[in-house]
Protein backbone atom coordinates (compact mmCIF):
# COMPACT_ATOMS: atom_id res chain seq x y z
CA MET A 1 0.10 -4.09 3.17
CA GLN A 2 2.59 -5.59 0.78
CA LYS A 3 5.48 -7.53 -0.40
CA THR A 4 6.68 -9.99 -3.09
CA TYR A 5 9.31 -9.65 -5.60
CA LEU A 6 9.20 -11.16 -9.22
CA TYR A 7 9.50 -10.44 -12.75
CA LEU A 8 7.67 -11.37 -15.85
CA MET A 9 8.77 -11.05 -19.24
CA VAL A 10 5.33 -10.65 -21.45
CA CYS A 11 4.52 -10.59 -25.12
CA VAL A 12 2.22 -7.90 -25.29
CA ILE A 13 -0.60 -7.96 -28.08
CA GLY A 14 -1.70 -4.00 -28.24
CA ALA A 15 -3.27 -1.82 -30.11
CA MET A 16 -1.93 1.32 -28.70
CA SER A 17 -4.64 3.59 -28.30
CA LEU A 18 -5.10 6.76 -26.18
CA ALA A 19 -8.47 7.20 -25.11
CA SER A 20 -10.18 10.53 -25.14
CA CYS A 21 -11.82 12.41 -22.23
CA SER A 22 -14.96 12.01 -23.98
CA GLU A 23 -14.98 8.09 -23.66
CA ASP A 24 -14.63 8.58 -20.04
CA SER A 25 -16.91 9.18 -17.35
CA ILE A 26 -15.32 12.45 -15.72
CA SER A 27 -17.53 13.56 -12.62
CA PRO A 28 -19.18 17.18 -13.61
CA ASP A 29 -18.10 18.41 -10.13
CA ALA A 30 -14.43 18.12 -11.24
CA GLY A 31 -12.82 21.25 -10.96
CA GLY A 32 -11.81 23.07 -7.61
CA ASP A 33 -13.06 26.36 -8.53
CA GLY A 34 -11.12 29.13 -6.42
CA ASP A 35 -7.91 26.87 -5.89
CA SER A 36 -5.22 29.26 -5.76
CA THR A 37 -2.60 26.04 -5.68
CA THR A 38 0.00 26.65 -8.27
CA GLU A 39 -0.13 23.79 -10.41
CA VAL A 40 3.29 22.70 -11.88
CA PRO A 41 4.24 19.67 -13.58
CA LEU A 42 4.24 16.72 -11.09
CA ALA A 43 7.65 15.40 -11.80
CA GLN A 44 8.55 18.82 -10.35
CA VAL A 45 6.78 18.75 -7.33
CA ALA A 46 8.68 18.44 -4.19
CA LYS A 47 9.70 14.98 -2.74
CA PRO A 48 10.30 13.11 0.44
CA LYS A 49 13.83 13.67 1.48
CA PRO A 50 15.82 10.07 0.81
CA ASN A 51 16.40 7.97 3.75
CA PRO A 52 19.95 7.22 3.83
CA TRP A 53 19.36 4.08 5.81
CA LEU A 54 17.17 2.49 2.78
CA ALA A 55 18.89 0.76 -0.06
CA GLN A 56 17.45 2.95 -2.60
CA GLU A 57 15.48 6.47 -2.62
CA GLU A 58 12.11 4.40 -4.03
CA TYR A 59 11.10 0.76 -3.72
CA SER A 60 13.22 -0.22 -0.57
CA ILE A 61 10.06 -0.21 1.70
CA THR A 62 6.33 -0.63 1.32
CA HIS A 63 4.48 2.13 -0.17
CA PHE A 64 7.78 2.99 -1.97
CA ASN A 65 8.91 5.53 0.30
CA SER A 66 9.51 6.47 4.25
CA ALA A 67 6.58 9.22 3.45
CA GLN A 68 4.72 6.26 1.98
CA THR A 69 3.35 8.47 -0.85
CA ASP A 70 3.17 5.19 -3.75
CA ALA A 71 4.95 7.31 -6.42
CA PHE A 72 7.73 6.02 -8.61
CA SER A 73 10.04 7.59 -10.93
CA SER A 74 9.42 5.54 -14.16
CA ALA A 75 7.82 6.43 -17.06
CA VAL A 76 4.75 4.32 -18.54
CA LYS A 77 3.86 4.24 -21.84
CA ASP A 78 0.08 5.63 -22.89
CA GLY A 79 -2.15 2.80 -24.95
CA THR A 80 -3.95 -0.82 -24.62
CA PHE A 81 -2.24 -3.75 -24.00
CA ASN A 82 -3.62 -7.19 -23.85
CA ILE A 83 -1.34 -9.54 -22.32
CA ASP A 84 -0.72 -13.13 -22.45
CA LEU A 85 0.21 -14.22 -18.72
CA SER A 86 1.42 -17.43 -19.83
CA LYS A 87 4.20 -16.07 -22.28
CA CYS A 88 5.47 -13.81 -19.38
CA GLN A 89 8.13 -14.37 -16.85
CA MET A 90 7.00 -14.95 -13.20
CA THR A 91 7.89 -16.52 -9.90
CA TRP A 92 5.78 -18.49 -7.61
CA SER A 93 5.28 -17.32 -3.82
CA GLY A 94 2.13 -16.43 -1.58
CA PRO A 95 -0.56 -16.24 -1.22
CA VAL A 96 0.10 -12.45 -0.31
CA ASN A 97 2.98 -10.76 -2.36
CA LEU A 98 2.56 -7.13 -1.17
CA MET A 99 5.81 -5.75 -2.68
CA THR A 100 9.13 -6.20 -4.30
CA LEU A 101 11.86 -4.58 -2.53
CA ALA A 102 14.76 -2.89 -4.37
CA SER A 103 18.04 -3.93 -3.10
CA THR A 104 21.50 -2.25 -3.19
CA SER A 105 22.16 -3.36 -6.57
CA PRO A 106 19.89 -1.97 -9.84
CA ASN A 107 20.10 -5.60 -11.00
CA TYR A 108 18.30 -7.30 -8.14
CA MET A 109 15.33 -6.89 -5.88
CA TRP A 110 14.01 -8.90 -3.07
CA GLY A 111 11.03 -11.01 -3.32
CA MET A 112 8.92 -10.76 -0.12
CA SER A 113 5.97 -12.69 0.61
CA SER A 114 4.23 -14.26 3.16
CA ASP A 115 5.92 -17.58 3.00
CA ARG A 116 9.36 -16.75 1.63
CA VAL A 117 11.72 -14.36 0.65
CA SER A 118 13.59 -14.49 -2.62
CA TYR A 119 16.45 -12.49 -4.37
CA LEU A 120 15.26 -11.82 -7.99
CA ASP A 121 17.55 -10.98 -10.89
CA ILE A 122 15.87 -8.25 -13.10
CA SER A 123 18.97 -7.46 -14.94
CA ASP A 124 18.55 -7.39 -19.18
CA GLY A 125 14.76 -7.68 -18.86
CA LYS A 126 14.75 -10.90 -16.77
CA LEU A 127 12.74 -11.54 -13.80
CA GLU A 128 14.34 -14.87 -12.42
CA ARG A 129 14.83 -16.29 -8.72
CA VAL A 130 18.34 -17.00 -8.25
CA ALA A 131 17.77 -17.86 -4.40
CA GLU A 132 15.14 -18.39 -1.68
CA ALA A 133 14.51 -19.03 1.62
CA GLY A 134 11.59 -19.61 4.09
CA LEU A 135 10.51 -17.42 6.82
CA PRO A 136 10.92 -18.58 10.19
CA GLY A 137 8.14 -21.31 11.10
CA ILE A 138 6.16 -20.90 7.99
CA THR A 139 6.24 -23.56 5.24
CA MET A 140 6.51 -22.60 1.88
CA LYS A 141 3.64 -23.33 -0.84
CA THR A 142 4.12 -25.41 -3.66
CA GLN A 143 3.67 -24.44 -7.31
CA GLU A 144 0.78 -26.63 -7.37
CA GLN A 145 -0.76 -25.40 -4.22
CA LEU A 146 -0.67 -21.87 -5.23
CA THR A 147 -1.82 -22.90 -8.94
CA ARG A 148 -5.07 -24.50 -7.27
CA ILE A 149 -5.68 -21.53 -5.05
CA ILE A 150 -5.83 -19.08 -8.20
CA ALA A 151 -7.74 -21.63 -10.38
CA ASP A 152 -11.06 -21.11 -11.58
CA HIS A 153 -14.07 -21.72 -9.19
CA ALA A 154 -17.56 -21.80 -9.91
CA THR A 155 -18.92 -20.67 -6.65
CA TYR A 156 -17.59 -19.19 -3.26
CA ASP A 157 -18.13 -22.09 -1.53
CA GLU A 158 -15.96 -24.14 -3.87
CA LEU A 159 -13.36 -21.53 -3.84
CA SER A 160 -13.50 -21.65 -0.06
CA LYS A 161 -12.94 -25.09 0.54
CA THR A 162 -9.90 -25.15 -1.72
CA VAL A 163 -8.43 -22.41 0.20
CA THR A 164 -8.86 -23.52 3.26
CA ASP A 165 -7.61 -27.02 2.71
CA ILE A 166 -4.37 -25.30 1.76
CA LEU A 167 -4.23 -22.67 4.14
CA GLY A 168 -6.04 -23.88 6.85
CA PRO A 169 -9.28 -22.90 8.64
CA ALA A 170 -8.61 -19.07 8.70
CA PRO A 171 -6.62 -18.41 5.83
CA GLN A 172 -6.34 -14.40 6.46
CA MET A 173 -3.94 -15.36 9.24
CA SER A 174 -1.27 -15.62 6.35
CA MET A 175 -1.45 -11.70 6.15
CA ALA A 176 0.34 -11.68 9.51
CA ASN A 177 3.32 -12.76 7.81
CA GLY A 178 5.78 -10.44 5.62
CA ASN A 179 2.74 -7.77 5.80
CA TYR A 180 5.35 -4.82 5.70
CA VAL A 181 8.83 -4.85 4.60
CA LEU A 182 12.18 -2.80 3.89
CA CYS A 183 15.46 -3.35 2.59
CA ASP A 184 18.55 -1.02 4.13
CA LYS A 185 21.62 0.33 2.88
CA ASP A 186 23.88 -2.67 3.63
CA ASN A 187 21.46 -5.20 1.56
CA TYR A 188 19.66 -6.58 4.27
CA ALA A 189 16.00 -7.38 3.87
CA TYR A 190 13.69 -7.33 7.03
CA THR A 191 10.50 -8.75 7.41
CA ASN A 192 8.08 -10.33 9.82
CA ALA A 193 6.46 -13.97 10.55
CA GLY A 194 3.68 -13.52 12.73
CA GLN A 195 5.69 -11.90 16.21
CA VAL A 196 9.24 -12.87 14.84
CA MET A 197 11.19 -10.07 13.31
CA ALA A 198 13.60 -11.32 10.93
CA ARG A 199 16.42 -10.22 8.91
CA TYR A 200 18.28 -11.93 5.48
CA ARG A 201 21.39 -11.40 3.85
CA LEU A 202 23.04 -12.93 0.87
CA ALA A 203 25.37 -15.55 1.75
CA ASN A 204 27.89 -14.39 -0.85
CA PRO A 205 27.37 -10.53 -1.69
CA ASN A 206 29.51 -11.34 -4.83
CA ASN A 207 27.28 -14.27 -5.94
CA PRO A 208 23.55 -14.10 -5.16
CA LYS A 209 23.17 -17.55 -6.48
CA ASP A 210 25.13 -18.92 -3.67
CA GLY A 211 21.86 -18.39 -1.63
CA ILE A 212 19.90 -16.30 1.19
CA MET A 213 20.53 -16.73 4.86
CA LEU A 214 18.46 -15.71 7.56
CA ASP A 215 21.07 -13.57 9.45
CA HIS A 216 19.22 -12.58 12.73
CA GLN A 217 15.89 -13.30 14.07
CA ILE A 218 14.02 -11.66 17.56
CA ARG A 219 10.65 -13.09 18.75
CA LEU A 220 8.79 -10.41 20.18
CA THR A 221 5.82 -11.80 21.74
CA ASN A 222 6.41 -10.72 25.33
CA PHE A 223 6.92 -7.16 24.14
CA THR A 224 4.09 -6.27 22.03
CA PHE A 225 1.80 -5.57 25.04
CA GLY A 226 -0.34 -8.57 24.18
CA SER A 227 -0.66 -8.44 20.41
CA PHE A 228 -1.73 -11.26 18.06
CA THR A 229 0.75 -9.88 15.18
CA LEU A 230 3.13 -7.54 13.81
CA VAL A 231 1.55 -4.92 11.27
CA GLY A 232 4.25 -2.80 10.13
CA ALA A 233 8.01 -1.61 10.16
CA THR A 234 10.26 1.41 8.86
CA MET A 235 13.67 2.43 9.43
CA THR A 236 13.99 5.92 10.69
CA TYR A 237 16.49 8.53 9.11
CA ASP A 238 19.03 7.94 11.88
CA GLY A 239 19.12 4.14 11.59
CA HIS A 240 16.73 2.83 14.12
CA LEU A 241 14.08 0.06 12.99
CA VAL A 242 10.43 0.93 14.31
CA VAL A 243 7.88 -2.08 14.45
CA ALA A 244 4.34 -1.78 14.87
CA ALA A 245 2.34 -4.20 16.57
CA GLN A 246 -1.60 -4.18 17.18
CA ASN A 247 -0.92 -2.94 20.79
CA GLY A 248 1.87 -0.65 20.60
CA LEU A 249 5.26 0.44 18.86
CA LEU A 250 9.10 -1.24 19.66
CA VAL A 251 12.27 0.26 18.52
CA LEU A 252 15.13 -2.22 17.66
CA ASN A 253 18.59 -1.79 16.75
CA ARG A 254 19.39 -2.85 12.93
CA ALA A 255 20.97 -5.95 14.15
CA LEU A 256 17.74 -7.33 15.94
CA THR A 257 19.52 -7.95 19.16
CA THR A 258 18.12 -5.19 21.23
CA ILE A 259 15.06 -3.49 22.21
CA GLU A 260 16.01 -0.11 22.61
CA ASP A 261 12.23 1.33 23.73
CA SER A 262 8.53 0.97 23.17
CA TYR A 263 5.39 2.65 23.37
CA PRO A 264 1.76 1.05 24.09
CA LEU A 265 -1.38 2.45 22.67
CA PRO A 266 -4.17 3.23 24.39
CA SER A 267 -6.34 0.33 25.53
CA ASP A 268 -9.14 1.34 23.25
CA GLN A 269 -6.89 1.43 20.32
CA ILE A 270 -5.62 -1.12 17.81
CA LEU A 271 -3.26 -0.81 14.94
CA THR A 272 -4.02 -2.60 11.60
CA ASN A 273 -1.66 -0.62 8.99
CA SER A 274 1.83 0.19 9.02
CA ILE A 275 3.14 3.55 10.08
CA CYS A 276 5.28 6.62 8.27
CA ILE A 277 8.00 8.60 9.14
CA ASP A 278 9.79 12.00 8.60
CA GLU A 279 13.20 13.18 8.46
CA ASN A 280 13.26 14.44 11.74
CA GLY A 281 11.85 11.84 13.88
CA GLY A 282 8.40 11.97 13.29
CA VAL A 283 6.56 8.70 13.33
CA TYR A 284 2.90 8.81 12.47
CA VAL A 285 0.49 6.21 13.51
CA ALA A 286 -3.09 5.98 12.89
CA SER A 287 -4.82 3.50 15.03
CA ASN A 288 -8.65 2.26 15.02
CA SER A 289 -11.03 2.27 18.04
CA ARG A 290 -11.83 -1.39 19.31
CA THR A 291 -15.15 -0.48 18.99
CA PRO A 292 -17.63 -0.09 15.98
CA GLY A 293 -18.37 3.64 15.33
CA GLY A 294 -15.62 4.63 18.08
CA LYS A 295 -13.25 7.39 17.41
CA GLY A 296 -9.65 6.42 15.93
CA LEU A 297 -6.44 7.99 16.84
CA MET A 298 -3.67 9.91 14.97
CA GLN A 299 -0.46 10.42 16.57
CA LYS A 300 2.60 11.98 15.65
CA LEU A 301 5.50 10.34 17.99
CA ILE A 302 9.08 11.66 18.24
CA CYS A 303 11.74 8.81 17.69
CA LYS A 304 15.12 9.92 18.26
CA ASP A 305 18.45 8.15 18.76
CA GLY A 306 16.40 4.64 19.50
CA LYS A 307 14.18 6.58 22.08
CA ILE A 308 10.34 7.30 21.77
CA SER A 309 8.93 10.62 23.06
CA THR A 310 5.30 11.55 23.68
CA SER A 311 6.02 14.98 24.85
CA GLN A 312 4.43 18.02 23.24
CA ALA A 313 7.67 19.86 23.58
CA ASP A 314 9.33 17.49 21.54
CA GLY A 315 6.70 18.14 18.71
CA ALA A 316 4.45 14.94 19.33
CA TRP A 317 0.88 15.17 19.45
CA GLN A 318 -2.53 13.33 19.17
CA ALA A 319 -5.66 13.85 17.80
CA TYR A 320 -8.82 11.51 17.15
CA TYR A 321 -11.01 10.90 13.71
CA ASP A 322 -14.21 9.31 12.96
CA GLY A 323 -14.44 5.75 12.92
CA GLY A 324 -17.45 3.31 11.69
CA PRO A 325 -18.63 0.15 11.52
CA LYS A 326 -17.07 -3.34 10.28
CA ALA A 327 -17.09 -3.37 6.41
CA PRO A 328 -18.59 -6.32 4.45
CA CYS A 329 -15.23 -7.15 2.66
CA ILE A 330 -11.64 -6.04 1.95
CA LYS A 331 -11.31 -3.64 4.67
CA LEU A 332 -10.07 -4.37 8.53
CA GLY A 333 -11.01 -2.50 11.57
CA TYR A 334 -13.28 0.06 12.46
CA GLY A 335 -11.20 2.98 11.57
CA THR A 336 -8.58 4.02 8.60
CA GLY A 337 -7.72 1.46 6.05
CA SER A 338 -4.85 3.77 5.22
CA THR A 339 -1.22 3.95 6.01
CA PRO A 340 -0.46 7.30 7.33
CA THR A 341 0.72 9.47 3.82
CA LEU A 342 2.75 12.46 4.30
CA MET A 343 1.96 15.68 2.31
CA GLY A 344 4.33 18.61 1.71
CA PHE A 345 8.04 18.81 1.58
CA GLY A 346 11.16 20.88 1.50
CA GLN A 347 9.93 24.52 1.07
CA ASP A 348 6.24 23.61 0.45
CA GLU A 349 3.97 25.93 2.35
CA ASP A 350 2.08 23.35 4.24
CA LYS A 351 3.07 20.41 5.97
CA LEU A 352 0.23 17.70 6.36
CA VAL A 353 -0.09 14.02 6.93
CA VAL A 354 -3.54 12.25 5.38
CA ILE A 355 -5.53 9.32 5.82
CA THR A 356 -9.18 8.31 4.93
CA ASP A 357 -11.19 7.83 8.03
CA GLY A 358 -13.71 5.05 8.96
CA SER A 359 -16.97 6.44 8.11
CA THR A 360 -19.32 4.28 6.07
CA ARG A 361 -18.77 7.27 3.22
CA MET A 362 -15.16 8.08 4.16
CA LYS A 363 -13.75 11.05 4.34
CA LEU A 364 -10.37 12.09 3.26
CA VAL A 365 -8.65 13.74 6.37
CA ALA A 366 -5.59 15.86 6.82
CA PHE A 367 -3.69 17.04 9.73
CA TRP A 368 -0.99 19.56 10.66
CA ARG A 369 1.93 17.48 11.13
CA ASP A 370 4.19 20.10 12.35
CA GLU A 371 3.04 23.76 14.17
CA ILE A 372 -0.55 24.57 13.21
CA THR A 373 -0.21 27.18 10.24
CA SER A 374 -0.93 30.63 11.70
CA GLY A 375 -4.32 32.07 10.97
CA ALA A 376 -5.97 28.43 10.14
CA GLN A 377 -9.31 28.13 11.06
CA GLN A 378 -10.51 24.99 13.23
CA VAL A 379 -12.72 22.51 11.28
CA ALA A 380 -16.25 22.68 13.01
CA GLY A 381 -16.54 19.47 15.29
CA TYR A 382 -13.16 18.46 14.99
CA ASP A 383 -9.64 18.74 16.50
CA LYS A 384 -7.60 21.90 16.09
CA ARG A 385 -4.85 19.33 14.59
CA ILE A 386 -7.25 18.27 11.56
CA ALA A 387 -6.43 20.75 8.66
CA GLY A 388 -9.11 19.72 6.44
CA VAL A 389 -12.11 17.04 5.84
CA HIS A 390 -13.47 15.98 2.69
CA GLU A 391 -16.18 13.35 1.90
CA VAL A 392 -15.14 11.15 -0.76
CA THR A 393 -18.02 10.64 -3.38
CA CYS A 394 -15.77 8.99 -6.37
CA GLY A 395 -18.99 10.15 -8.29
CA LEU A 396 -21.13 7.49 -6.79
CA PRO A 397 -24.81 8.48 -6.00
CA ALA A 398 -25.72 9.78 -2.61
CA SER A 399 -27.64 6.48 -2.11
CA THR A 400 -24.44 4.58 -2.20
CA GLU A 401 -23.74 2.78 1.13
CA TRP A 402 -20.27 1.96 1.54
CA ILE A 403 -17.15 4.13 -0.27
CA GLN A 404 -14.41 2.82 1.75
CA SER A 405 -10.66 1.94 1.12
CA GLU A 406 -7.88 -0.02 2.50
CA GLN A 407 -5.67 1.40 0.74
CA SER A 408 -3.10 4.31 1.12
CA VAL A 409 -3.73 7.92 -0.28
CA VAL A 410 -1.40 8.46 -3.19
CA VAL A 411 0.11 11.68 -2.85
CA GLY A 412 1.77 13.59 -5.45
CA GLY A 413 2.14 17.46 -4.65
CA TYR A 414 -0.66 18.68 -2.95
CA ASP A 415 -3.05 16.41 -4.76
CA ALA A 416 -4.45 12.91 -3.10
CA PHE A 417 -6.05 10.20 -4.80
CA VAL A 418 -8.18 7.63 -2.89
CA VAL A 419 -10.39 4.44 -4.20
CA ASN A 420 -13.37 3.01 -3.00
CA ASN A 421 -12.68 -1.10 -2.25
CA ILE A 422 -16.18 -2.09 -1.03
CA ASN A 423 -19.21 -3.10 -2.50
CA VAL A 424 -22.10 -4.82 -0.80
CA THR A 425 -22.99 -8.13 -1.91
CA GLU A 426 -25.17 -11.09 -0.87
CA GLN A 427 -22.46 -13.14 -0.40
CA GLU A 428 -21.01 -13.26 3.51
CA ILE A 429 -17.31 -12.79 3.56
CA ASN A 430 -15.78 -13.75 6.68
CA ASP A 431 -12.30 -13.98 5.46
CA LYS A 432 -10.17 -11.50 3.79
CA ILE A 433 -8.02 -13.77 1.72
CA ILE A 434 -10.99 -15.97 0.56
CA GLY A 435 -12.84 -12.78 0.13
CA VAL A 436 -9.96 -11.00 -2.19
CA ILE A 437 -9.69 -14.10 -4.28
CA ALA A 438 -13.39 -14.33 -4.68
CA ILE A 439 -14.05 -10.48 -5.31
CA GLY A 440 -14.04 -10.03 -9.09
CA PRO A 441 -14.38 -13.52 -10.71
CA ILE A 442 -16.91 -14.62 -8.41
CA VAL A 443 -18.34 -11.66 -6.24
CA LYS A 444 -19.23 -8.18 -7.73
CA GLY A 445 -16.48 -5.99 -7.15
CA PRO A 446 -16.33 -2.09 -6.04
CA GLN A 447 -15.84 0.62 -8.37
CA GLY A 448 -15.02 4.38 -7.85
CA THR A 449 -12.02 6.58 -7.72
CA GLU A 450 -11.44 10.47 -6.62
CA CYS A 451 -8.76 12.95 -6.74
CA VAL A 452 -8.78 15.76 -4.45
CA ARG A 453 -6.24 18.81 -4.08
CA TRP A 454 -5.54 20.77 -0.90
CA ASN A 455 -6.07 24.47 -1.46
CA THR A 456 -2.97 26.14 0.48
CA LYS A 457 -4.39 29.70 0.18
CA GLU A 458 -8.01 28.81 1.79
CA ASN A 459 -6.56 25.39 3.60
CA LYS A 460 -9.43 23.31 2.66
CA TRP A 461 -9.78 20.11 0.32
CA GLU A 462 -11.23 20.50 -3.44
CA SER A 463 -12.48 17.54 -5.76
CA LYS A 464 -10.50 17.99 -8.67
CA TRP A 465 -12.12 15.07 -10.50
CA ALA A 466 -13.66 11.68 -9.90
CA ARG A 467 -14.56 8.44 -11.62
CA SER A 468 -17.57 5.94 -10.75
CA ASP A 469 -16.74 3.73 -13.53
CA VAL A 470 -13.36 2.43 -12.61
CA SER A 471 -12.54 -0.40 -10.65
CA SER A 472 -10.07 -1.15 -7.79
CA VAL A 473 -10.50 -4.02 -6.11
CA SER A 474 -7.83 -4.40 -3.58
CA MET A 475 -4.29 -3.47 -4.93
CA SER A 476 -2.71 -0.04 -3.97
CA PRO A 477 -2.66 2.32 -6.49
CA ALA A 478 0.48 4.07 -7.65
CA VAL A 479 1.33 7.35 -9.16
CA SER A 480 4.20 8.09 -11.82
CA PRO A 481 4.73 11.77 -11.78
CA LYS A 482 7.09 11.51 -14.92
CA SER A 483 3.78 10.04 -16.89
CA GLU A 484 1.42 12.23 -14.73
CA MET A 485 -0.71 8.85 -14.34
CA VAL A 486 -2.04 7.06 -11.58
CA PHE A 487 -2.50 3.59 -11.62
CA VAL A 488 -5.24 0.95 -10.33
CA CYS A 489 -5.94 -2.79 -10.84
CA GLY A 490 -9.62 -3.72 -11.03
CA TRP A 491 -11.84 -6.18 -12.74
CA ASN A 492 -13.79 -5.79 -15.87
CA ASP A 493 -16.74 -8.53 -16.27
CA ALA A 494 -15.88 -8.47 -20.26
CA SER A 495 -12.06 -8.73 -20.23
CA GLY A 496 -11.02 -9.59 -16.59
CA TRP A 497 -8.27 -8.30 -14.46
CA GLU A 498 -6.94 -4.90 -16.00
CA VAL A 499 -4.37 -2.22 -14.73
CA THR A 500 -5.95 1.09 -15.44
CA GLY A 501 -3.83 4.50 -15.89
CA LEU A 502 -5.73 7.64 -15.33
CA ASP A 503 -4.48 11.08 -16.25
CA TRP A 504 -3.49 12.97 -13.02
CA LYS A 505 -5.03 16.22 -14.18
CA SER A 506 -8.47 14.91 -15.49
CA GLY A 507 -8.72 11.47 -14.58
CA ALA A 508 -9.10 10.41 -18.30
CA THR A 509 -8.02 6.76 -19.06
CA ARG A 510 -4.76 6.72 -21.09
CA HIS A 511 -3.30 3.17 -20.24
CA ARG A 512 -5.05 -0.27 -20.07
CA THR A 513 -2.87 -3.31 -19.48
CA ILE A 514 -5.81 -6.11 -19.99
CA LEU A 515 -4.48 -9.18 -17.95
CA GLY A 516 -7.32 -11.73 -18.55
CA LYS A 517 -9.72 -13.82 -16.40
CA SER A 518 -7.25 -15.91 -14.73
CA ASN A 519 -6.92 -15.08 -10.88
CA ARG A 520 -2.94 -15.22 -11.66
CA ALA A 521 -3.60 -11.75 -12.36
CA ASN A 522 -5.37 -10.90 -8.88
CA GLY A 523 -3.11 -8.54 -6.96
CA ALA A 524 -4.84 -9.31 -3.46
CA TYR A 525 -3.67 -5.87 -1.33
CA ALA A 526 -0.28 -5.93 -3.37
CA ASN A 527 1.46 -2.30 -4.41
CA ILE A 528 1.76 -2.03 -8.22
CA GLN A 529 5.22 -1.22 -9.44
CA TYR A 530 6.68 -0.24 -12.45
CA LEU A 531 10.81 -0.71 -13.51
CA ALA A 532 13.31 1.77 -14.64
CA ASN A 533 12.51 0.51 -18.30
CA GLY A 534 8.40 0.93 -17.92
CA ASP A 535 7.98 -2.83 -17.40
CA LEU A 536 5.10 -3.73 -15.03
CA LEU A 537 6.25 -5.35 -11.99
CA PHE A 538 3.08 -7.13 -10.97
CA ASN A 539 2.67 -8.38 -7.50
CA SER A 540 0.29 -11.25 -7.93
CA VAL A 541 -1.52 -13.23 -5.49
CA ALA A 542 0.68 -16.04 -6.51
CA GLY A 543 4.10 -14.50 -7.24
CA PRO A 544 5.65 -11.69 -9.30
CA ILE A 545 5.15 -11.18 -12.62
CA ARG A 546 6.97 -9.26 -15.48
CA ILE A 547 4.97 -7.56 -18.35
CA LYS A 548 6.73 -6.23 -20.64
CA TYR A 549 5.28 -3.44 -23.40
């Protein structure tokens, strides 16, 4: 889930301080004895092949690239930084701003939101909106309305009344707009408004201030097999748009004038997250059972020349994975909360696709994405397509009822990083948007992260480290291979919202951006992004912010 593009200049009061490992609660079980996987600098591991149909190699699609690894190339400083948000550059949009997209120009980005599309000037340290356009049929929220949503609220009921007054009786329906987005090589930005797929462009490519135009739109209601909304979109390596709805997939041409093919999910399955693709036409779809505790389905479809194949002869496959019950907050559905993520690229030995499953205490599941490796042993009790299963603990006690995530797995080399988004509270949360705004300031939030390594020699997962004390409420984590840090956003009762950078190898805290207690610093399902110069591009619930160090 993601979108939004905004930039803020931030005055940073920061005592630069590198936290030592002794100050961090690193799980003693970290290590992974017997792991034969050679550890190389993270910046040197193989990366996904750049998609020639996207505007840039990274940030032109949700989760940063076609493989959905959540890895970005910028370096980020170590240290502790206290931020005064009132001194930062920001724009207003929302209430969900999942990601700010790279355009074809390094000086501009597309701000993608649940209520609008913006064009943002990020040159020379700026974050300035130069143009915007509303989504089809969607009324743009005013700054006053967004300010009311993020205001301090004494109770959950008070917050709920404010949010429903502004967003209507079902606020989480705002997540049906602009949920997965992309920008193509010709600087067209694609997004959705419910069941409408829309494409935007600059009115004058030579002068962005002349405005944004809705280039074309197509209503897909009659072609989505009874789906209520669209849930994802990606671009194949041969230039076709694959759109995911709750009940199936569609292939469209880039101009949005032709539906080239379609594929319905099995009737017992529903899709709540986006999809990922590889350079050979593989489309990876992880759907959930419609029944609590039912099996979810991971599929590899083949899409070439605008046509979908489910034939094994073409390389397609299916494999079931474990589902679970309905989570009390944050997470949607009974199965995975993850968009599938590819692992293993180029000449890497093992080619995998990974998700978290739907179990109450989730498992990290790896599937062989091409031919099953010769000599691989079938995991007992699971489909032969499943390469490995690891029960995630996040360093939390065995008595912890819920360890679950609504986030994509972050991948760097053969390492995978996951977070716990669930905390059981006395407060009943029936709406995901109200819940995600409440968790932290009003409702006690979740804790727990874990980094796991795939052992290519023994074909199994091994835990590297876990942190039971680190909070990650709802934002998608992201990794900087250059800095070898992974970043999460969580809530601290003493200091408020914080972006925390953890060492990829050890889990030690190396970076803290302390944003304070204003809910302007609530990311609400968005991606954490850093710009080329190391500035934080924080996709807030009320619009992007640029934070300078």
